Amino acid sequence: MSDIIEVFGPLFLMEETQGMILYKGKVKSVIECIKDDQVLIHYHDKVTAGNGEKEDYPEGKGKINCEISCLIFKLLAENGIESHFIQPAGPALMRCKKVEIIPMELVVRNIAAGSIVRNTTIPEGKKFYPEPIIEFFLKDDEKNDPLLNDARIMAMGMNGLKYVMMQEARKINKILKPLFESIDLDLVDYKLEFGLYNHRVILADEISPDGCRLWKKGTTESMDKDLFRKDKGDIVEAYTSILESLKNHVK
């Protein structure tokens, strides 16, 4: 509770929350609300790589990522994609529906990069068209989020969830890919997480440059967390540029 008071103040604690952090991840915290079907998500001024082995605390990064996620969730809602997002709730803070996170995340790949290049013979930069490649991973940091195949997903009893998540991911990609193209960025790949809310599968977590691989259009120049992973530049400067561009395209 002291962490919440320190960040947001005692008045916020009385008016908005029960004062309990339900979950504290590497770059976000989930805070209990007075309304038991809602939570507040606080985005930290923190960036990690290598499953937390490398980290830094860039000032303003949490606020920027929260604003980017809010803009994208609003756009998705306008296009019929339900998510946990309700509304912004302050700097670096988002009000959301309380969901049960599905322990299986997926990566949508429009262009080959990262692990799919390291672990296959697919060359970096190969475009996947007309449909992206969609890969599923177990959401488990201790197991290093292993890649799942169809047989494993079926054995885990999650085949029905996989189908719904894949259908939603394809719809989301048809919205996000042209959005980033409109601000001169290639949406190379990105992670999506889903949760259960009133027995429905809905989009959850965040969509920000932390979970996307973004290249300047027609190049392999990074505008995402690879700037931090590979010591290639300032993520706050890059993320701010993306936010300002999105504000001009998402009303």
C-alpha atoms as a PDB file:
ATOM      1  CA  MET A   1       0.000   0.000   0.000  1.00  0.00           C
ATOM      2  CA  SER A   2       2.854   2.390   0.741  1.00  0.00           C
ATOM      3  CA  ASP A   3       3.966   2.129  -2.899  1.00  0.00           C
ATOM      4  CA  ILE A   4       0.549   3.374  -4.063  1.00  0.00           C
ATOM      5  CA  ILE A   5       0.513   6.295  -1.582  1.00  0.00           C
ATOM      6  CA  GLU A   6       4.026   7.295  -2.640  1.00  0.00           C
ATOM      7  CA  VAL A   7       3.136   7.313  -6.354  1.00  0.00           C
ATOM      8  CA  PHE A   8      -0.441   8.661  -6.335  1.00  0.00           C
ATOM      9  CA  GLY A   9      -1.041  10.226  -2.912  1.00  0.00           C
ATOM     10  CA  PRO A  10      -3.502   9.459  -0.075  1.00  0.00           C
ATOM     11  CA  LEU A  11      -6.497  11.180  -1.725  1.00  0.00           C
ATOM     12  CA  PHE A  12      -6.183   8.917  -4.775  1.00  0.00           C
ATOM     13  CA  LEU A  13      -5.984   5.916  -2.454  1.00  0.00           C
ATOM     14  CA  MET A  14      -9.257   6.836  -0.722  1.00  0.00           C
ATOM     15  CA  GLU A  15     -11.219   7.766  -3.844  1.00  0.00           C
ATOM     16  CA  GLU A  16     -10.092   5.149  -6.356  1.00  0.00           C
ATOM     17  CA  THR A  17      -8.594   2.016  -4.851  1.00  0.00           C
ATOM     18  CA  GLN A  18      -8.767  -0.549  -2.106  1.00  0.00           C
ATOM     19  CA  GLY A  19      -5.040   0.050  -1.678  1.00  0.00           C
ATOM     20  CA  MET A  20      -3.902  -3.405  -2.787  1.00  0.00           C
ATOM     21  CA  ILE A  21      -1.527  -4.229  -5.617  1.00  0.00           C
ATOM     22  CA  LEU A  22      -2.981  -7.380  -7.128  1.00  0.00           C
ATOM     23  CA  TYR A  23      -0.020  -7.987  -9.417  1.00  0.00           C
ATOM     24  CA  LYS A  24       3.343  -6.320  -9.912  1.00  0.00           C
ATOM     25  CA  GLY A  25       5.063  -7.191 -13.165  1.00  0.00           C
ATOM     26  CA  LYS A  26       8.329  -6.032 -14.673  1.00  0.00           C
ATOM     27  CA  VAL A  27       6.905  -2.781 -16.101  1.00  0.00           C
ATOM     28  CA  LYS A  28       3.290  -2.540 -14.853  1.00  0.00           C
ATOM     29  CA  SER A  29       1.288  -2.953 -11.661  1.00  0.00           C
ATOM     30  CA  VAL A  30      -2.376  -3.957 -11.387  1.00  0.00           C
ATOM     31  CA  ILE A  31      -4.148  -2.154  -8.534  1.00  0.00           C
ATOM     32  CA  GLU A  32      -7.446  -3.196  -6.944  1.00  0.00           C
ATOM     33  CA  CYS A  33     -10.365  -0.754  -7.412  1.00  0.00           C
ATOM     34  CA  ILE A  34     -13.349   0.028  -5.202  1.00  0.00           C
ATOM     35  CA  LYS A  35     -15.474  -1.394  -8.039  1.00  0.00           C
ATOM     36  CA  ASP A  36     -14.649  -5.073  -7.834  1.00  0.00           C
ATOM     37  CA  ASP A  37     -14.990  -5.656 -11.597  1.00  0.00           C
ATOM     38  CA  GLN A  38     -12.371  -3.004 -12.414  1.00  0.00           C
ATOM     39  CA  VAL A  39      -8.654  -2.484 -11.882  1.00  0.00           C
ATOM     40  CA  LEU A  40      -6.174   0.318 -12.410  1.00  0.00           C
ATOM     41  CA  ILE A  41      -3.024  -0.443 -14.359  1.00  0.00           C
ATOM     42  CA  HIS A  42       0.022   1.647 -13.561  1.00  0.00           C
ATOM     43  CA  TYR A  43       2.763   1.842 -16.211  1.00  0.00           C
ATOM     44  CA  HIS A  44       6.215   2.146 -14.632  1.00  0.00           C
ATOM     45  CA  ASP A  45       9.158   4.232 -15.781  1.00  0.00           C
ATOM     46  CA  LYS A  46      11.075   1.029 -16.378  1.00  0.00           C
ATOM     47  CA  VAL A  47      12.289  -1.040 -19.318  1.00  0.00           C
ATOM     48  CA  THR A  48      13.617  -4.594 -19.245  1.00  0.00           C
ATOM     49  CA  ALA A  49      15.117  -7.057 -21.697  1.00  0.00           C
ATOM     50  CA  GLY A  50      16.323 -10.651 -21.568  1.00  0.00           C
ATOM     51  CA  ASN A  51      13.520 -11.713 -19.215  1.00  0.00           C
ATOM     52  CA  GLY A  52      14.503  -8.984 -16.752  1.00  0.00           C
ATOM     53  CA  GLU A  53      18.277  -9.521 -16.923  1.00  0.00           C
ATOM     54  CA  LYS A  54      18.792  -6.016 -18.324  1.00  0.00           C
ATOM     55  CA  GLU A  55      16.836  -3.040 -17.011  1.00  0.00           C
ATOM     56  CA  ASP A  56      16.734   0.750 -16.870  1.00  0.00           C
ATOM     57  CA  TYR A  57      14.398   3.455 -15.525  1.00  0.00           C
ATOM     58  CA  PRO A  58      13.832   6.058 -18.283  1.00  0.00           C
ATOM     59  CA  GLU A  59      11.868   9.031 -16.979  1.00  0.00           C
ATOM     60  CA  GLY A  60       8.462   9.485 -18.619  1.00  0.00           C
ATOM     61  CA  LYS A  61       8.437   6.112 -20.364  1.00  0.00           C
ATOM     62  CA  GLY A  62       5.442   4.788 -18.387  1.00  0.00           C
ATOM     63  CA  LYS A  63       3.253   7.784 -19.234  1.00  0.00           C
ATOM     64  CA  ILE A  64       4.153   7.552 -22.936  1.00  0.00           C
ATOM     65  CA  ASN A  65       3.398   3.831 -23.188  1.00  0.00           C
ATOM     66  CA  CYS A  66       0.120   4.283 -21.325  1.00  0.00           C
ATOM     67  CA  GLU A  67      -0.970   7.042 -23.726  1.00  0.00           C
ATOM     68  CA  ILE A  68      -0.026   4.960 -26.774  1.00  0.00           C
ATOM     69  CA  SER A  69      -1.954   1.964 -25.435  1.00  0.00           C
ATOM     70  CA  CYS A  70      -5.005   4.119 -24.673  1.00  0.00           C
ATOM     71  CA  LEU A  71      -5.029   5.535 -28.223  1.00  0.00           C
ATOM     72  CA  ILE A  72      -4.715   2.085 -29.783  1.00  0.00           C
ATOM     73  CA  PHE A  73      -7.350   0.481 -27.559  1.00  0.00           C
ATOM     74  CA  LYS A  74      -9.759   3.326 -28.426  1.00  0.00           C
ATOM     75  CA  LEU A  75      -9.154   2.801 -32.141  1.00  0.00           C
ATOM     76  CA  LEU A  76      -9.666  -0.950 -31.819  1.00  0.00           C
ATOM     77  CA  ALA A  77     -12.925  -0.415 -29.903  1.00  0.00           C
ATOM     78  CA  GLU A  78     -14.185   1.869 -32.688  1.00  0.00           C
ATOM     79  CA  ASN A  79     -13.517  -1.023 -35.064  1.00  0.00           C
ATOM     80  CA  GLY A  80     -15.381  -3.649 -33.037  1.00  0.00           C
ATOM     81  CA  ILE A  81     -12.505  -5.142 -31.004  1.00  0.00           C
ATOM     82  CA  GLU A  82     -13.407  -5.514 -27.332  1.00  0.00           C
ATOM     83  CA  SER A  83     -10.596  -5.078 -24.823  1.00  0.00           C
ATOM     84  CA  HIS A  84     -10.167  -4.594 -21.097  1.00  0.00           C
ATOM     85  CA  PHE A  85      -9.600  -0.843 -21.595  1.00  0.00           C
ATOM     86  CA  ILE A  86     -12.225   1.494 -20.103  1.00  0.00           C
ATOM     87  CA  GLN A  87     -10.573   4.921 -19.976  1.00  0.00           C
ATOM     88  CA  PRO A  88      -7.403   6.791 -19.022  1.00  0.00           C
ATOM     89  CA  ALA A  89      -7.241   7.403 -15.279  1.00  0.00           C
ATOM     90  CA  GLY A  90      -4.311   9.764 -14.941  1.00  0.00           C
ATOM     91  CA  PRO A  91      -0.658  10.005 -15.967  1.00  0.00           C
ATOM     92  CA  ALA A  92       0.675   6.485 -16.574  1.00  0.00           C
ATOM     93  CA  LEU A  93      -2.627   5.063 -15.336  1.00  0.00           C
ATOM     94  CA  MET A  94      -5.412   3.196 -17.135  1.00  0.00           C
ATOM     95  CA  ARG A  95      -8.807   2.014 -15.848  1.00  0.00           C
ATOM     96  CA  CYS A  96      -9.617  -1.480 -17.093  1.00  0.00           C
ATOM     97  CA  LYS A  97     -12.054  -4.345 -16.727  1.00  0.00           C
ATOM     98  CA  LYS A  98     -10.791  -6.990 -14.342  1.00  0.00           C
ATOM     99  CA  VAL A  99     -10.010 -10.028 -16.489  1.00  0.00           C
ATOM    100  CA  GLU A 100      -8.577 -13.470 -15.897  1.00  0.00           C
ATOM    101  CA  ILE A 101      -5.461 -13.479 -18.068  1.00  0.00           C
ATOM    102  CA  ILE A 102      -5.186 -16.505 -20.350  1.00  0.00           C
ATOM    103  CA  PRO A 103      -1.755 -18.117 -19.754  1.00  0.00           C
ATOM    104  CA  MET A 104      -1.017 -18.249 -23.467  1.00  0.00           C
ATOM    105  CA  GLU A 105       0.188 -15.240 -25.449  1.00  0.00           C
ATOM    106  CA  LEU A 106       0.621 -14.894 -29.156  1.00  0.00           C
ATOM    107  CA  VAL A 107       2.940 -13.088 -31.530  1.00  0.00           C
ATOM    108  CA  VAL A 108       1.679 -11.746 -34.843  1.00  0.00           C
ATOM    109  CA  ARG A 109       4.453 -11.642 -37.453  1.00  0.00           C
ATOM    110  CA  ASN A 110       4.159  -9.546 -40.617  1.00  0.00           C
ATOM    111  CA  ILE A 111       7.904  -9.530 -41.350  1.00  0.00           C
ATOM    112  CA  ALA A 112      10.520 -12.046 -40.233  1.00  0.00           C
ATOM    113  CA  ALA A 113      12.732 -10.821 -37.385  1.00  0.00           C
ATOM    114  CA  GLY A 114      13.869 -11.918 -33.945  1.00  0.00           C
ATOM    115  CA  SER A 115      13.367 -15.485 -32.756  1.00  0.00           C
ATOM    116  CA  ILE A 116      11.727 -16.751 -35.938  1.00  0.00           C
ATOM    117  CA  VAL A 117      14.950 -15.853 -37.786  1.00  0.00           C
ATOM    118  CA  ARG A 118      17.234 -17.250 -35.075  1.00  0.00           C
ATOM    119  CA  ASN A 119      15.346 -20.545 -34.843  1.00  0.00           C
ATOM    120  CA  THR A 120      14.529 -21.253 -38.506  1.00  0.00           C
ATOM    121  CA  THR A 121      16.024 -20.794 -41.971  1.00  0.00           C
ATOM    122  CA  ILE A 122      13.664 -17.866 -42.700  1.00  0.00           C
ATOM    123  CA  PRO A 123      15.717 -14.779 -43.613  1.00  0.00           C
ATOM    124  CA  GLU A 124      15.251 -11.493 -41.783  1.00  0.00           C
ATOM    125  CA  GLY A 125      12.971  -9.137 -43.675  1.00  0.00           C
ATOM    126  CA  LYS A 126      10.874 -11.817 -45.394  1.00  0.00           C
ATOM    127  CA  LYS A 127       7.293 -10.522 -45.601  1.00  0.00           C
ATOM    128  CA  PHE A 128       4.406 -12.793 -44.666  1.00  0.00           C
ATOM    129  CA  TYR A 129       1.540 -12.013 -47.008  1.00  0.00           C
ATOM    130  CA  PRO A 130      -1.459 -12.026 -47.388  1.00  0.00           C
ATOM    131  CA  GLU A 131      -1.785 -13.338 -43.817  1.00  0.00           C
ATOM    132  CA  PRO A 132       0.715 -12.961 -40.978  1.00  0.00           C
ATOM    133  CA  ILE A 133       2.292 -15.882 -39.164  1.00  0.00           C
ATOM    134  CA  ILE A 134       0.736 -16.272 -35.711  1.00  0.00           C
ATOM    135  CA  GLU A 135       2.707 -18.116 -33.021  1.00  0.00           C
ATOM    136  CA  PHE A 136       1.575 -19.101 -29.529  1.00  0.00           C
ATOM    137  CA  PHE A 137       3.741 -19.114 -26.406  1.00  0.00           C
ATOM    138  CA  LEU A 138       3.140 -20.274 -22.854  1.00  0.00           C
ATOM    139  CA  LYS A 139       2.939 -17.220 -20.600  1.00  0.00           C
ATOM    140  CA  ASP A 140       5.425 -18.303 -17.947  1.00  0.00           C
ATOM    141  CA  ASP A 141       8.595 -16.328 -17.190  1.00  0.00           C
ATOM    142  CA  GLU A 142      10.111 -19.173 -15.171  1.00  0.00           C
ATOM    143  CA  LYS A 143       9.889 -21.445 -18.213  1.00  0.00           C
ATOM    144  CA  ASN A 144      11.095 -18.621 -20.522  1.00  0.00           C
ATOM    145  CA  ASP A 145       7.763 -18.444 -22.385  1.00  0.00           C
ATOM    146  CA  PRO A 146       8.275 -21.537 -24.594  1.00  0.00           C
ATOM    147  CA  LEU A 147       6.821 -21.802 -28.091  1.00  0.00           C
ATOM    148  CA  LEU A 148       3.690 -23.983 -28.213  1.00  0.00           C
ATOM    149  CA  ASN A 149       2.618 -26.243 -31.057  1.00  0.00           C
ATOM    150  CA  ASP A 150      -0.926 -27.399 -31.882  1.00  0.00           C
ATOM    151  CA  ALA A 151      -0.525 -30.738 -30.081  1.00  0.00           C
ATOM    152  CA  ARG A 152       0.627 -29.077 -26.864  1.00  0.00           C
ATOM    153  CA  ILE A 153      -2.170 -26.509 -26.983  1.00  0.00           C
ATOM    154  CA  MET A 154      -4.722 -29.298 -27.461  1.00  0.00           C
ATOM    155  CA  ALA A 155      -3.213 -31.321 -24.589  1.00  0.00           C
ATOM    156  CA  MET A 156      -3.459 -28.217 -22.379  1.00  0.00           C
ATOM    157  CA  GLY A 157      -7.183 -28.010 -23.187  1.00  0.00           C
ATOM    158  CA  MET A 158      -6.812 -24.581 -24.809  1.00  0.00           C
ATOM    159  CA  ASN A 159      -7.641 -25.333 -28.438  1.00  0.00           C
ATOM    160  CA  GLY A 160     -10.945 -23.414 -28.324  1.00  0.00           C
ATOM    161  CA  LEU A 161      -9.226 -20.377 -26.812  1.00  0.00           C
ATOM    162  CA  LYS A 162      -6.495 -20.596 -29.452  1.00  0.00           C
ATOM    163  CA  TYR A 163      -9.071 -20.421 -32.248  1.00  0.00           C
ATOM    164  CA  VAL A 164     -10.809 -17.335 -30.796  1.00  0.00           C
ATOM    165  CA  MET A 165      -7.510 -15.579 -30.060  1.00  0.00           C
ATOM    166  CA  MET A 166      -6.236 -16.249 -33.586  1.00  0.00           C
ATOM    167  CA  GLN A 167      -9.409 -14.875 -35.181  1.00  0.00           C
ATOM    168  CA  GLU A 168      -9.211 -11.715 -33.068  1.00  0.00           C
ATOM    169  CA  ALA A 169      -5.497 -11.323 -33.820  1.00  0.00           C
ATOM    170  CA  ARG A 170      -6.156 -11.364 -37.568  1.00  0.00           C
ATOM    171  CA  LYS A 171      -8.817  -8.660 -37.175  1.00  0.00           C
ATOM    172  CA  ILE A 172      -6.480  -6.565 -35.014  1.00  0.00           C
ATOM    173  CA  ASN A 173      -3.670  -6.891 -37.546  1.00  0.00           C
ATOM    174  CA  LYS A 174      -5.885  -5.519 -40.317  1.00  0.00           C
ATOM    175  CA  ILE A 175      -6.338  -2.382 -38.196  1.00  0.00           C
ATOM    176  CA  LEU A 176      -2.856  -1.922 -36.734  1.00  0.00           C
ATOM    177  CA  LYS A 177      -0.742  -2.661 -39.801  1.00  0.00           C
ATOM    178  CA  PRO A 178      -2.204   0.212 -41.886  1.00  0.00           C
ATOM    179  CA  LEU A 179      -2.248   2.459 -38.809  1.00  0.00           C
ATOM    180  CA  PHE A 180       1.519   2.213 -38.420  1.00  0.00           C
ATOM    181  CA  GLU A 181       2.043   2.428 -42.177  1.00  0.00           C
ATOM    182  CA  SER A 182       0.228   5.787 -42.032  1.00  0.00           C
ATOM    183  CA  ILE A 183       2.962   7.114 -39.717  1.00  0.00           C
ATOM    184  CA  ASP A 184       5.772   5.647 -41.852  1.00  0.00           C
ATOM    185  CA  LEU A 185       6.462   2.596 -39.706  1.00  0.00           C
ATOM    186  CA  ASP A 186       6.429  -1.099 -40.595  1.00  0.00           C
ATOM    187  CA  LEU A 187       4.674  -3.209 -37.955  1.00  0.00           C
ATOM    188  CA  VAL A 188       7.118  -6.120 -38.073  1.00  0.00           C
ATOM    189  CA  ASP A 189       5.659  -8.181 -35.223  1.00  0.00           C
ATOM    190  CA  TYR A 190       3.926  -7.716 -31.887  1.00  0.00           C
ATOM    191  CA  LYS A 191       2.692  -9.578 -28.833  1.00  0.00           C
ATOM    192  CA  LEU A 192      -0.964  -9.865 -27.823  1.00  0.00           C
ATOM    193  CA  GLU A 193      -2.482 -11.128 -24.582  1.00  0.00           C
ATOM    194  CA  PHE A 194      -6.113 -11.962 -23.937  1.00  0.00           C
ATOM    195  CA  GLY A 195      -8.271 -12.476 -20.864  1.00  0.00           C
ATOM    196  CA  LEU A 196     -11.638 -13.874 -19.857  1.00  0.00           C
ATOM    197  CA  TYR A 197     -14.332 -11.364 -18.899  1.00  0.00           C
ATOM    198  CA  ASN A 198     -17.914 -12.536 -18.263  1.00  0.00           C
ATOM    199  CA  HIS A 199     -17.061 -15.747 -20.149  1.00  0.00           C
ATOM    200  CA  ARG A 200     -15.848 -13.777 -23.197  1.00  0.00           C
ATOM    201  CA  VAL A 201     -12.328 -13.721 -24.611  1.00  0.00           C
ATOM    202  CA  ILE A 202     -11.210 -10.078 -24.869  1.00  0.00           C
ATOM    203  CA  LEU A 203      -7.953  -8.299 -25.622  1.00  0.00           C
ATOM    204  CA  ALA A 204      -5.899  -7.368 -22.537  1.00  0.00           C
ATOM    205  CA  ASP A 205      -2.457  -6.164 -21.397  1.00  0.00           C
ATOM    206  CA  GLU A 206      -1.030  -3.324 -23.546  1.00  0.00           C
ATOM    207  CA  ILE A 207      -0.138  -2.475 -27.130  1.00  0.00           C
ATOM    208  CA  SER A 208       2.906  -0.220 -27.125  1.00  0.00           C
ATOM    209  CA  PRO A 209       6.428  -0.112 -28.581  1.00  0.00           C
ATOM    210  CA  ASP A 210       7.506  -2.305 -25.652  1.00  0.00           C
ATOM    211  CA  GLY A 211       5.598  -5.217 -27.170  1.00  0.00           C
ATOM    212  CA  CYS A 212       5.902  -4.339 -30.865  1.00  0.00           C
ATOM    213  CA  ARG A 213       8.788  -4.512 -33.292  1.00  0.00           C
ATOM    214  CA  LEU A 214       8.594  -1.330 -35.379  1.00  0.00           C
ATOM    215  CA  TRP A 215      10.945  -0.361 -38.205  1.00  0.00           C
ATOM    216  CA  LYS A 216      11.111   2.904 -40.074  1.00  0.00           C
ATOM    217  CA  LYS A 217       9.238   2.204 -43.289  1.00  0.00           C
ATOM    218  CA  GLY A 218      11.285   0.323 -45.873  1.00  0.00           C
ATOM    219  CA  THR A 219      14.296  -0.068 -43.530  1.00  0.00           C
ATOM    220  CA  THR A 220      15.377  -2.175 -40.550  1.00  0.00           C
ATOM    221  CA  GLU A 221      15.913   0.895 -38.340  1.00  0.00           C
ATOM    222  CA  SER A 222      14.304   0.193 -34.963  1.00  0.00           C
ATOM    223  CA  MET A 223      11.743   2.428 -33.246  1.00  0.00           C
ATOM    224  CA  ASP A 224      10.932   0.009 -30.418  1.00  0.00           C
ATOM    225  CA  LYS A 225      12.454  -1.730 -27.403  1.00  0.00           C
ATOM    226  CA  ASP A 226      15.280  -3.077 -29.586  1.00  0.00           C
ATOM    227  CA  LEU A 227      16.813   0.384 -29.140  1.00  0.00           C
ATOM    228  CA  PHE A 228      17.316  -0.593 -25.491  1.00  0.00           C
ATOM    229  CA  ARG A 229      18.051  -4.299 -26.059  1.00  0.00           C
ATOM    230  CA  LYS A 230      20.838  -3.536 -28.526  1.00  0.00           C
ATOM    231  CA  ASP A 231      21.996  -0.160 -27.120  1.00  0.00           C
ATOM    232  CA  LYS A 232      21.001   1.545 -30.360  1.00  0.00           C
ATOM    233  CA  GLY A 233      19.279   4.687 -29.108  1.00  0.00           C
ATOM    234  CA  ASP A 234      16.927   6.518 -26.743  1.00  0.00           C
ATOM    235  CA  ILE A 235      13.576   4.757 -26.341  1.00  0.00           C
ATOM    236  CA  VAL A 236      11.874   7.778 -24.738  1.00  0.00           C
ATOM    237  CA  GLU A 237      12.711   9.921 -27.772  1.00  0.00           C
ATOM    238  CA  ALA A 238      11.517   7.205 -30.180  1.00  0.00           C
ATOM    239  CA  TYR A 239       8.341   6.424 -28.220  1.00  0.00           C
ATOM    240  CA  THR A 240       7.502  10.144 -27.944  1.00  0.00           C
ATOM    241  CA  SER A 241       7.818  10.481 -31.712  1.00  0.00           C
ATOM    242  CA  ILE A 242       5.429   7.545 -32.197  1.00  0.00           C
ATOM    243  CA  LEU A 243       2.933   8.994 -29.708  1.00  0.00           C
ATOM    244  CA  GLU A 244       2.876  12.401 -31.374  1.00  0.00           C
ATOM    245  CA  SER A 245       2.405  10.809 -34.811  1.00  0.00           C
ATOM    246  CA  LEU A 246      -0.433   8.600 -33.543  1.00  0.00           C
ATOM    247  CA  LYS A 247      -2.189  11.606 -31.995  1.00  0.00           C
ATOM    248  CA  ASN A 248      -2.380  13.126 -35.468  1.00  0.00           C
ATOM    249  CA  HIS A 249      -3.957   9.970 -36.922  1.00  0.00           C
ATOM    250  CA  VAL A 250      -6.183   8.665 -34.102  1.00  0.00           C
ATOM    251  CA  LYS A 251      -8.859  11.078 -32.923  1.00  0.00           C
END
